[in-house]
C-alpha atoms as a PDB file:
ATOM      1  CA  MET A   1      32.842 -38.267  56.295  1.00  0.00           C
ATOM      2  CA  LYS A   2      29.776 -40.011  57.710  1.00  0.00           C
ATOM      3  CA  VAL A   3      28.422 -42.735  55.414  1.00  0.00           C
ATOM      4  CA  GLY A   4      24.972 -44.267  55.786  1.00  0.00           C
ATOM      5  CA  LEU A   5      23.346 -47.272  54.117  1.00  0.00           C
ATOM      6  CA  PHE A   6      19.674 -47.752  53.275  1.00  0.00           C
ATOM      7  CA  ILE A   7      18.621 -51.008  51.570  1.00  0.00           C
ATOM      8  CA  GLY A   8      15.332 -51.621  49.773  1.00  0.00           C
ATOM      9  CA  ARG A   9      14.021 -53.651  46.857  1.00  0.00           C
ATOM     10  CA  PHE A  10      12.115 -50.672  45.402  1.00  0.00           C
ATOM     11  CA  GLN A  11       9.681 -52.875  43.456  1.00  0.00           C
ATOM     12  CA  PRO A  12       8.708 -50.205  42.547  1.00  0.00           C
ATOM     13  CA  LEU A  13      10.077 -47.035  44.152  1.00  0.00           C
ATOM     14  CA  HIS A  14       7.162 -45.143  45.734  1.00  0.00           C
ATOM     15  CA  LYS A  15       6.661 -41.751  47.389  1.00  0.00           C
ATOM     16  CA  ALA A  16       7.337 -43.021  50.917  1.00  0.00           C
ATOM     17  CA  HIS A  17      10.670 -44.418  49.703  1.00  0.00           C
ATOM     18  CA  CYS A  18      11.570 -41.005  48.298  1.00  0.00           C
ATOM     19  CA  LYS A  19      10.670 -39.132  51.481  1.00  0.00           C
ATOM     20  CA  THR A  20      12.685 -41.607  53.556  1.00  0.00           C
ATOM     21  CA  ILE A  21      15.723 -41.301  51.269  1.00  0.00           C
ATOM     22  CA  GLN A  22      15.584 -37.502  51.289  1.00  0.00           C
ATOM     23  CA  ASN A  23      15.294 -37.458  55.092  1.00  0.00           C
ATOM     24  CA  LEU A  24      18.159 -39.918  55.606  1.00  0.00           C
ATOM     25  CA  ALA A  25      20.410 -37.978  53.222  1.00  0.00           C
ATOM     26  CA  LYS A  26      20.264 -35.033  55.657  1.00  0.00           C
ATOM     27  CA  LYS A  27      21.719 -37.193  58.449  1.00  0.00           C
ATOM     28  CA  VAL A  28      24.884 -38.293  56.624  1.00  0.00           C
ATOM     29  CA  ASP A  29      27.487 -36.907  54.244  1.00  0.00           C
ATOM     30  CA  CYS A  30      26.938 -39.760  51.798  1.00  0.00           C
ATOM     31  CA  LEU A  31      23.961 -42.112  51.604  1.00  0.00           C
ATOM     32  CA  ILE A  32      24.466 -45.468  49.906  1.00  0.00           C
ATOM     33  CA  ILE A  33      21.175 -46.760  48.511  1.00  0.00           C
ATOM     34  CA  GLY A  34      21.408 -50.533  48.273  1.00  0.00           C
ATOM     35  CA  ILE A  35      19.053 -52.120  45.759  1.00  0.00           C
ATOM     36  CA  GLY A  36      18.196 -55.456  47.345  1.00  0.00           C
ATOM     37  CA  SER A  37      17.448 -58.608  45.328  1.00  0.00           C
ATOM     38  CA  SER A  38      19.298 -56.895  42.500  1.00  0.00           C
ATOM     39  CA  ASN A  39      19.676 -60.243  40.731  1.00  0.00           C
ATOM     40  CA  LYS A  40      15.908 -60.808  40.559  1.00  0.00           C
ATOM     41  CA  HIS A  41      13.446 -59.445  38.010  1.00  0.00           C
ATOM     42  CA  HIS A  42      10.395 -60.435  35.975  1.00  0.00           C
ATOM     43  CA  ALA A  43       8.991 -62.272  39.013  1.00  0.00           C
ATOM     44  CA  ILE A  44       5.721 -61.623  40.836  1.00  0.00           C
ATOM     45  CA  ASP A  45       7.390 -59.980  43.869  1.00  0.00           C
ATOM     46  CA  ASP A  46      10.343 -58.599  41.880  1.00  0.00           C
ATOM     47  CA  PRO A  47       8.992 -57.457  38.504  1.00  0.00           C
ATOM     48  CA  PHE A  48      11.504 -54.706  37.713  1.00  0.00           C
ATOM     49  CA  THR A  49      15.153 -55.021  36.684  1.00  0.00           C
ATOM     50  CA  LEU A  50      18.100 -53.495  38.509  1.00  0.00           C
ATOM     51  CA  LYS A  51      18.473 -50.815  35.811  1.00  0.00           C
ATOM     52  CA  GLU A  52      14.778 -49.945  35.914  1.00  0.00           C
ATOM     53  CA  ARG A  53      14.868 -49.526  39.698  1.00  0.00           C
ATOM     54  CA  ALA A  54      18.082 -47.499  39.549  1.00  0.00           C
ATOM     55  CA  ASP A  55      16.481 -45.234  36.939  1.00  0.00           C
ATOM     56  CA  MET A  56      13.449 -44.757  39.215  1.00  0.00           C
ATOM     57  CA  ILE A  57      15.741 -43.613  42.027  1.00  0.00           C
ATOM     58  CA  ASN A  58      17.973 -41.410  39.883  1.00  0.00           C
ATOM     59  CA  ASP A  59      15.028 -39.699  38.206  1.00  0.00           C
ATOM     60  CA  SER A  60      12.955 -39.254  41.377  1.00  0.00           C
ATOM     61  CA  VAL A  61      15.125 -38.323  44.376  1.00  0.00           C
ATOM     62  CA  LYS A  62      16.069 -34.674  44.768  1.00  0.00           C
ATOM     63  CA  ILE A  63      19.406 -35.108  46.492  1.00  0.00           C
ATOM     64  CA  LYS A  64      23.030 -35.252  45.347  1.00  0.00           C
ATOM     65  CA  ASN A  65      24.897 -36.948  48.194  1.00  0.00           C
ATOM     66  CA  TYR A  66      24.053 -40.555  47.338  1.00  0.00           C
ATOM     67  CA  SER A  67      25.279 -43.541  45.373  1.00  0.00           C
ATOM     68  CA  ILE A  68      23.556 -46.760  44.317  1.00  0.00           C
ATOM     69  CA  LYS A  69      24.933 -50.231  45.019  1.00  0.00           C
ATOM     70  CA  PRO A  70      23.371 -53.482  43.763  1.00  0.00           C
ATOM     71  CA  ILE A  71      22.826 -56.043  46.546  1.00  0.00           C
ATOM     72  CA  PRO A  72      22.157 -59.520  45.079  1.00  0.00           C
ATOM     73  CA  ASP A  73      20.449 -62.046  47.324  1.00  0.00           C
ATOM     74  CA  LEU A  74      22.507 -64.433  49.422  1.00  0.00           C
ATOM     75  CA  ASP A  75      20.550 -67.361  50.879  1.00  0.00           C
ATOM     76  CA  ASP A  76      22.630 -67.528  54.053  1.00  0.00           C
ATOM     77  CA  TYR A  77      21.672 -65.158  56.858  1.00  0.00           C
ATOM     78  CA  SER A  78      24.849 -65.901  58.821  1.00  0.00           C
ATOM     79  CA  ARG A  79      26.970 -64.362  56.022  1.00  0.00           C
ATOM     80  CA  TRP A  80      24.559 -61.723  54.701  1.00  0.00           C
ATOM     81  CA  ALA A  81      25.856 -58.665  56.591  1.00  0.00           C
ATOM     82  CA  LYS A  82      29.445 -59.441  55.566  1.00  0.00           C
ATOM     83  CA  HIS A  83      28.216 -60.010  52.010  1.00  0.00           C
ATOM     84  CA  VAL A  84      26.667 -56.524  52.002  1.00  0.00           C
ATOM     85  CA  ALA A  85      29.772 -54.939  53.542  1.00  0.00           C
ATOM     86  CA  GLY A  86      31.909 -56.464  50.800  1.00  0.00           C
ATOM     87  CA  LEU A  87      29.735 -54.728  48.216  1.00  0.00           C
ATOM     88  CA  THR A  88      29.298 -51.334  49.879  1.00  0.00           C
ATOM     89  CA  GLY A  89      32.499 -50.865  51.827  1.00  0.00           C
ATOM     90  CA  LYS A  90      32.583 -49.573  55.403  1.00  0.00           C
ATOM     91  CA  VAL A  91      29.555 -47.597  56.563  1.00  0.00           C
ATOM     92  CA  ASP A  92      28.982 -45.692  59.793  1.00  0.00           C
ATOM     93  CA  VAL A  93      25.288 -46.448  60.169  1.00  0.00           C
ATOM     94  CA  VAL A  94      22.678 -48.697  58.566  1.00  0.00           C
ATOM     95  CA  PHE A  95      19.108 -47.415  58.349  1.00  0.00           C
ATOM     96  CA  THR A  96      16.407 -50.077  58.264  1.00  0.00           C
ATOM     97  CA  GLY A  97      12.833 -50.818  59.239  1.00  0.00           C
ATOM     98  CA  ASN A  98      13.509 -54.572  59.334  1.00  0.00           C
ATOM     99  CA  LYS A  99      14.295 -56.081  62.747  1.00  0.00           C
ATOM    100  CA  LEU A 100      16.129 -59.074  61.261  1.00  0.00           C
ATOM    101  CA  VAL A 101      18.385 -56.783  59.204  1.00  0.00           C
ATOM    102  CA  LYS A 102      19.077 -54.806  62.396  1.00  0.00           C
ATOM    103  CA  GLU A 103      20.057 -57.977  64.254  1.00  0.00           C
ATOM    104  CA  LEU A 104      22.310 -59.255  61.462  1.00  0.00           C
ATOM    105  CA  PHE A 105      24.268 -56.007  61.179  1.00  0.00           C
ATOM    106  CA  GLU A 106      24.570 -55.538  64.942  1.00  0.00           C
ATOM    107  CA  LYS A 107      26.155 -58.995  65.171  1.00  0.00           C
ATOM    108  CA  GLU A 108      28.903 -57.546  62.938  1.00  0.00           C
ATOM    109  CA  ASN A 109      29.230 -54.530  65.285  1.00  0.00           C
ATOM    110  CA  VAL A 110      27.678 -52.146  62.766  1.00  0.00           C
ATOM    111  CA  ARG A 111      25.591 -49.296  64.166  1.00  0.00           C
ATOM    112  CA  VAL A 112      21.945 -49.602  63.119  1.00  0.00           C
ATOM    113  CA  LYS A 113      19.198 -46.983  63.274  1.00  0.00           C
ATOM    114  CA  LEU A 114      15.693 -48.451  63.185  1.00  0.00           C
ATOM    115  CA  ILE A 115      13.335 -46.285  61.130  1.00  0.00           C
ATOM    116  CA  LYS A 116       9.556 -46.322  61.162  1.00  0.00           C
ATOM    117  CA  PRO A 117       7.538 -46.809  57.962  1.00  0.00           C
ATOM    118  CA  ARG A 118       6.295 -43.538  56.466  1.00  0.00           C
ATOM    119  CA  GLY A 119       2.552 -43.631  55.916  1.00  0.00           C
ATOM    120  CA  TYR A 120       0.646 -46.598  54.535  1.00  0.00           C
ATOM    121  CA  ILE A 121       2.269 -46.887  51.114  1.00  0.00           C
ATOM    122  CA  SER A 122       4.085 -50.104  50.236  1.00  0.00           C
ATOM    123  CA  ALA A 123       5.491 -51.546  47.033  1.00  0.00           C
ATOM    124  CA  THR A 124       3.252 -54.581  47.553  1.00  0.00           C
ATOM    125  CA  LEU A 125       0.221 -52.288  47.570  1.00  0.00           C
ATOM    126  CA  VAL A 126       1.363 -50.555  44.371  1.00  0.00           C
ATOM    127  CA  ARG A 127       1.963 -53.877  42.577  1.00  0.00           C
ATOM    128  CA  ASP A 128      -1.406 -55.176  43.720  1.00  0.00           C
ATOM    129  CA  MET A 129      -3.171 -52.059  42.445  1.00  0.00           C
ATOM    130  CA  ILE A 130      -1.360 -52.316  39.103  1.00  0.00           C
ATOM    131  CA  SER A 131      -2.368 -55.970  38.730  1.00  0.00           C
ATOM    132  CA  LYS A 132      -6.013 -55.082  39.438  1.00  0.00           C
ATOM    133  CA  GLY A 133      -6.101 -52.084  37.086  1.00  0.00           C
ATOM    134  CA  GLN A 134      -6.611 -49.605  39.933  1.00  0.00           C
ATOM    135  CA  CYS A 135      -5.290 -46.032  40.224  1.00  0.00           C
ATOM    136  CA  TRP A 136      -1.726 -46.699  41.329  1.00  0.00           C
ATOM    137  CA  GLU A 137       0.004 -43.625  39.876  1.00  0.00           C
ATOM    138  CA  ARG A 138      -0.774 -41.370  42.858  1.00  0.00           C
ATOM    139  CA  TYR A 139       1.439 -43.519  45.109  1.00  0.00           C
ATOM    140  CA  VAL A 140       4.604 -43.158  43.023  1.00  0.00           C
ATOM    141  CA  THR A 141       6.503 -40.182  41.627  1.00  0.00           C
ATOM    142  CA  LYS A 142       5.755 -39.034  38.101  1.00  0.00           C
ATOM    143  CA  GLU A 143       9.256 -40.179  37.109  1.00  0.00           C
ATOM    144  CA  THR A 144       8.639 -43.693  38.431  1.00  0.00           C
ATOM    145  CA  ALA A 145       5.245 -43.862  36.720  1.00  0.00           C
ATOM    146  CA  ASP A 146       6.844 -42.797  33.432  1.00  0.00           C
ATOM    147  CA  ILE A 147       9.463 -45.559  33.676  1.00  0.00           C
ATOM    148  CA  ILE A 148       6.854 -48.212  34.503  1.00  0.00           C
ATOM    149  CA  LYS A 149       4.807 -47.192  31.481  1.00  0.00           C
ATOM    150  CA  LYS A 150       7.881 -46.947  29.235  1.00  0.00           C
ATOM    151  CA  VAL A 151       8.961 -50.539  29.967  1.00  0.00           C
ATOM    152  CA  ASP A 152       5.359 -51.797  29.764  1.00  0.00           C
ATOM    153  CA  GLY A 153       5.523 -52.595  33.470  1.00  0.00           C
ATOM    154  CA  VAL A 154       1.738 -52.583  33.909  1.00  0.00           C
ATOM    155  CA  GLU A 155       1.258 -55.451  31.464  1.00  0.00           C
ATOM    156  CA  ARG A 156       4.315 -57.216  32.904  1.00  0.00           C
ATOM    157  CA  ILE A 157       2.852 -57.225  36.417  1.00  0.00           C
ATOM    158  CA  LYS A 158      -0.569 -58.304  35.182  1.00  0.00           C
ATOM    159  CA  ASN A 159       0.984 -61.230  33.302  1.00  0.00           C
ATOM    160  CA  LEU A 160       3.157 -62.197  36.271  1.00  0.00           C
ATOM    161  CA  SER A 161       0.092 -62.158  38.538  1.00  0.00           C
ATOM    162  CA  LYS A 162      -1.773 -64.762  36.500  1.00  0.00           C
ATOM    163  CA  PRO A 163       0.192 -67.864  37.633  1.00  0.00           C
ATOM    164  CA  TYR A 164      -0.679 -67.077  41.246  1.00  0.00           C
ATOM    165  CA  LYS A 165      -4.214 -68.249  40.603  1.00  0.00           C
ATOM    166  CA  ASN A 166      -2.706 -71.688  41.192  1.00  0.00           C
ATOM    167  CA  PRO A 167      -2.299 -72.925  44.786  1.00  0.00           C
ATOM    168  CA  VAL A 168       0.685 -71.397  46.566  1.00  0.00           C
ATOM    169  CA  PRO A 169       3.048 -73.618  48.628  1.00  0.00           C
ATOM    170  CA  THR A 170       3.695 -72.521  52.204  1.00  0.00           C
ATOM    171  CA  VAL A 171       5.116 -73.982  55.413  1.00  0.00           C
ATOM    172  CA  ASP A 172       4.134 -73.680  59.070  1.00  0.00           C
ATOM    173  CA  ILE A 173       6.353 -74.675  61.969  1.00  0.00           C
ATOM    174  CA  ILE A 174       5.098 -75.898  65.343  1.00  0.00           C
ATOM    175  CA  ILE A 175       8.086 -75.014  67.537  1.00  0.00           C
ATOM    176  CA  GLU A 176       8.197 -76.985  70.786  1.00  0.00           C
ATOM    177  CA  TYR A 177       9.832 -74.804  73.414  1.00  0.00           C
ATOM    178  CA  LYS A 178      10.107 -75.220  77.217  1.00  0.00           C
ATOM    179  CA  GLY A 179       6.926 -77.224  77.628  1.00  0.00           C
ATOM    180  CA  GLY A 180       4.856 -75.173  75.207  1.00  0.00           C
ATOM    181  CA  ILE A 181       4.746 -74.017  71.600  1.00  0.00           C
ATOM    182  CA  VAL A 182       5.873 -70.721  70.073  1.00  0.00           C
ATOM    183  CA  LEU A 183       3.222 -68.539  68.397  1.00  0.00           C
ATOM    184  CA  ILE A 184       3.485 -65.112  66.786  1.00  0.00           C
ATOM    185  CA  GLU A 185       1.077 -62.193  66.741  1.00  0.00           C
ATOM    186  CA  ARG A 186       0.872 -61.105  63.107  1.00  0.00           C
ATOM    187  CA  ASN A 187       1.928 -57.628  61.996  1.00  0.00           C
ATOM    188  CA  HIS A 188      -0.251 -57.713  58.883  1.00  0.00           C
ATOM    189  CA  GLU A 189      -3.790 -58.658  57.945  1.00  0.00           C
ATOM    190  CA  PRO A 190      -5.346 -60.953  58.889  1.00  0.00           C
ATOM    191  CA  PHE A 191      -4.324 -59.835  62.387  1.00  0.00           C
ATOM    192  CA  GLY A 192      -4.154 -62.289  65.279  1.00  0.00           C
ATOM    193  CA  TRP A 193      -2.039 -65.123  66.643  1.00  0.00           C
ATOM    194  CA  ALA A 194      -0.601 -67.743  64.314  1.00  0.00           C
ATOM    195  CA  ILE A 195       1.855 -70.596  63.959  1.00  0.00           C
ATOM    196  CA  PRO A 196       5.124 -69.221  62.503  1.00  0.00           C
ATOM    197  CA  GLY A 197       5.389 -69.821  58.764  1.00  0.00           C
ATOM    198  CA  GLY A 198       5.277 -68.351  55.294  1.00  0.00           C
ATOM    199  CA  HIS A 199       5.834 -68.813  51.579  1.00  0.00           C
ATOM    200  CA  VAL A 200       8.340 -71.169  49.995  1.00  0.00           C
ATOM    201  CA  ASP A 201      10.749 -69.245  47.769  1.00  0.00           C
ATOM    202  CA  TYR A 202      11.500 -70.374  44.222  1.00  0.00           C
ATOM    203  CA  GLY A 203      14.378 -72.863  44.271  1.00  0.00           C
ATOM    204  CA  GLU A 204      13.969 -73.505  48.003  1.00  0.00           C
ATOM    205  CA  SER A 205      13.085 -76.833  49.651  1.00  0.00           C
ATOM    206  CA  LEU A 206      10.216 -77.094  52.130  1.00  0.00           C
ATOM    207  CA  GLU A 207      12.695 -77.892  54.904  1.00  0.00           C
ATOM    208  CA  ASP A 208      14.884 -74.873  54.149  1.00  0.00           C
ATOM    209  CA  ALA A 209      11.809 -72.641  53.980  1.00  0.00           C
ATOM    210  CA  ALA A 210      10.634 -73.883  57.382  1.00  0.00           C
ATOM    211  CA  VAL A 211      14.005 -73.176  59.016  1.00  0.00           C
ATOM    212  CA  ARG A 212      14.213 -69.746  57.356  1.00  0.00           C
ATOM    213  CA  GLU A 213      10.666 -68.677  58.254  1.00  0.00           C
ATOM    214  CA  ALA A 214      11.121 -69.791  61.871  1.00  0.00           C
ATOM    215  CA  LYS A 215      14.298 -67.697  62.110  1.00  0.00           C
ATOM    216  CA  GLU A 216      12.753 -64.631  60.443  1.00  0.00           C
ATOM    217  CA  GLU A 217       9.630 -64.594  62.610  1.00  0.00           C
ATOM    218  CA  THR A 218      10.869 -65.872  66.011  1.00  0.00           C
ATOM    219  CA  SER A 219      14.678 -65.363  65.850  1.00  0.00           C
ATOM    220  CA  LEU A 220      15.055 -69.033  66.868  1.00  0.00           C
ATOM    221  CA  ASP A 221      17.365 -71.531  65.183  1.00  0.00           C
ATOM    222  CA  VAL A 222      15.159 -74.590  64.891  1.00  0.00           C
ATOM    223  CA  LYS A 223      15.828 -78.263  64.276  1.00  0.00           C
ATOM    224  CA  LEU A 224      13.065 -79.959  62.326  1.00  0.00           C
ATOM    225  CA  VAL A 225      11.901 -83.118  64.097  1.00  0.00           C
ATOM    226  CA  GLU A 226       9.015 -84.307  61.954  1.00  0.00           C
ATOM    227  CA  GLN A 227       7.001 -83.459  58.849  1.00  0.00           C
ATOM    228  CA  PHE A 228       3.579 -83.509  60.438  1.00  0.00           C
ATOM    229  CA  HIS A 229       0.800 -83.005  57.875  1.00  0.00           C
ATOM    230  CA  THR A 230      -0.234 -81.015  54.792  1.00  0.00           C
ATOM    231  CA  TYR A 231      -3.340 -78.797  54.873  1.00  0.00           C
ATOM    232  CA  SER A 232      -4.947 -77.920  51.547  1.00  0.00           C
ATOM    233  CA  ASP A 233      -8.506 -76.673  52.121  1.00  0.00           C
ATOM    234  CA  PRO A 234      -8.967 -73.911  49.479  1.00  0.00           C
ATOM    235  CA  GLU A 235     -10.717 -71.787  52.137  1.00  0.00           C
ATOM    236  CA  ARG A 236      -8.029 -72.114  54.816  1.00  0.00           C
ATOM    237  CA  ASP A 237      -6.509 -68.717  53.961  1.00  0.00           C
ATOM    238  CA  PRO A 238      -8.916 -65.863  53.089  1.00  0.00           C
ATOM    239  CA  ARG A 239      -6.327 -64.203  50.831  1.00  0.00           C
ATOM    240  CA  ALA A 240      -5.612 -67.043  48.400  1.00  0.00           C
ATOM    241  CA  HIS A 241      -5.557 -70.815  47.955  1.00  0.00           C
ATOM    242  CA  LYS A 242      -2.456 -71.800  49.923  1.00  0.00           C
ATOM    243  CA  ILE A 243      -1.274 -75.324  50.666  1.00  0.00           C
ATOM    244  CA  SER A 244       0.744 -75.607  53.864  1.00  0.00           C
ATOM    245  CA  THR A 245       3.112 -78.385  54.905  1.00  0.00           C
ATOM    246  CA  VAL A 246       3.448 -78.334  58.687  1.00  0.00           C
ATOM    247  CA  TYR A 247       6.643 -79.295  60.507  1.00  0.00           C
ATOM    248  CA  ILE A 248       7.285 -80.004  64.170  1.00  0.00           C
ATOM    249  CA  ALA A 249      10.547 -78.525  65.422  1.00  0.00           C
ATOM    250  CA  LYS A 250      12.567 -77.920  68.555  1.00  0.00           C
ATOM    251  CA  ALA A 251      14.616 -74.833  69.358  1.00  0.00           C
ATOM    252  CA  GLY A 252      16.919 -73.328  71.914  1.00  0.00           C
ATOM    253  CA  GLY A 253      17.768 -69.700  72.605  1.00  0.00           C
ATOM    254  CA  LYS A 254      15.315 -66.926  73.344  1.00  0.00           C
ATOM    255  CA  PRO A 255      12.325 -66.182  71.087  1.00  0.00           C
ATOM    256  CA  LYS A 256      12.087 -62.599  69.809  1.00  0.00           C
ATOM    257  CA  ALA A 257       9.650 -61.090  67.317  1.00  0.00           C
ATOM    258  CA  GLY A 258      11.150 -60.723  63.844  1.00  0.00           C
ATOM    259  CA  SER A 259       9.783 -59.861  60.377  1.00  0.00           C
ATOM    260  CA  ASP A 260       5.974 -59.964  60.004  1.00  0.00           C
ATOM    261  CA  ALA A 261       5.631 -60.562  63.760  1.00  0.00           C
ATOM    262  CA  LYS A 262       4.343 -58.023  66.270  1.00  0.00           C
ATOM    263  CA  LYS A 263       4.883 -60.294  69.284  1.00  0.00           C
ATOM    264  CA  VAL A 264       6.139 -63.779  70.007  1.00  0.00           C
ATOM    265  CA  LYS A 265       5.026 -65.848  73.003  1.00  0.00           C
ATOM    266  CA  VAL A 266       5.043 -69.412  74.313  1.00  0.00           C
ATOM    267  CA  PHE A 267       1.638 -71.040  74.914  1.00  0.00           C
ATOM    268  CA  THR A 268       0.472 -74.372  76.273  1.00  0.00           C
ATOM    269  CA  LYS A 269      -2.500 -76.447  75.134  1.00  0.00           C
ATOM    270  CA  ASP A 270      -4.600 -74.937  77.934  1.00  0.00           C
ATOM    271  CA  ASP A 271      -3.994 -71.226  77.266  1.00  0.00           C
ATOM    272  CA  LEU A 272      -4.042 -70.933  73.479  1.00  0.00           C
ATOM    273  CA  PRO A 273      -5.176 -67.540  72.101  1.00  0.00           C
ATOM    274  CA  GLY A 274      -7.587 -67.013  69.218  1.00  0.00           C
ATOM    275  CA  LEU A 275      -5.878 -68.175  66.025  1.00  0.00           C
ATOM    276  CA  VAL A 276      -6.106 -67.051  62.386  1.00  0.00           C
ATOM    277  CA  PHE A 277      -6.395 -69.219  59.256  1.00  0.00           C
ATOM    278  CA  ASP A 278      -6.955 -72.914  60.104  1.00  0.00           C
ATOM    279  CA  HIS A 279      -4.297 -72.881  62.810  1.00  0.00           C
ATOM    280  CA  LYS A 280      -6.758 -73.908  65.533  1.00  0.00           C
ATOM    281  CA  LYS A 281      -7.443 -77.102  63.563  1.00  0.00           C
ATOM    282  CA  ILE A 282      -3.729 -77.681  62.993  1.00  0.00           C
ATOM    283  CA  LEU A 283      -2.963 -77.409  66.708  1.00  0.00           C
ATOM    284  CA  GLU A 284      -5.905 -79.627  67.639  1.00  0.00           C
ATOM    285  CA  ASP A 285      -4.470 -82.279  65.315  1.00  0.00           C
ATOM    286  CA  TYR A 286      -0.992 -81.706  66.746  1.00  0.00           C
ATOM    287  CA  PHE A 287      -2.046 -82.132  70.372  1.00  0.00           C
ATOM    288  CA  GLU A 288      -4.041 -85.245  69.482  1.00  0.00           C
ATOM    289  CA  HIS A 289      -0.973 -86.567  67.663  1.00  0.00           C
ATOM    290  CA  LYS A 290       1.273 -85.877  70.665  1.00  0.00           C
ATOM    291  CA  GLY A 291      -1.245 -87.387  73.083  1.00  0.00           C
ATOM    292  CA  GLY A 292      -1.348 -90.616  71.095  1.00  0.00           C
ATOM    293  CA  LYS A 293       2.414 -91.116  71.283  1.00  0.00           C
ATOM    294  CA  LYS A 294       3.831 -93.470  73.864  1.00  0.00           C
END
């Protein structure tokens, strides 16, 4: 019997999720649907409980050859694939649209099939529309919409969205590599080249966030050398007020585009591309800082 695994957070389950699940179920005898971050709920990015998400799947998908497995988070990428295998048992193929997930499973000699996103729907989009009082129901199944309304999910998401009017902590990592620095071309708006970085997770230190984000976006294992500077201009990010602590790091290995990155490339001071956010200013300060060192 051929067993496949498809992991998602389903926050919430939307129509593209359902189409993907129904398509994948045709390729295997049994499809395990792993509910990622199963231990998280009532948070801005994870508003729904494990049971609520399982109910969305059970009520919405029109297949029989599947089972649901909770996948709680494990903040250690080196052990994550084994962690998942211990929860799901042996599988013949993992389906994913995440390049980092693909890499982690392939290191454990598990066959991985990379799938392309279906359409433009995302759970982030649905949550954003709910928080803004927009017409979100058309992007989810009727069954999912009914569950969200039953558990008062609309008001839950609106309430969870309010704290994010405060500044959001982020990190950026200037990775020194073979005489240059590593930059990524972003996969999402605003599009363009950027210093690798991202949000700090709840319960995570700035240093751990910097190492994690560098790994996720460039596939490099970095060693932080210096906490460089903090940038806090409220206009530095067009999406929200985000305060970034910038680290300087060194890395070995070979850079490869990971999550949220379309491309990754090494640049020198003399051939920098156009940069998003305030990253031009950050790199100007960095090169001045490096030039002033003896």
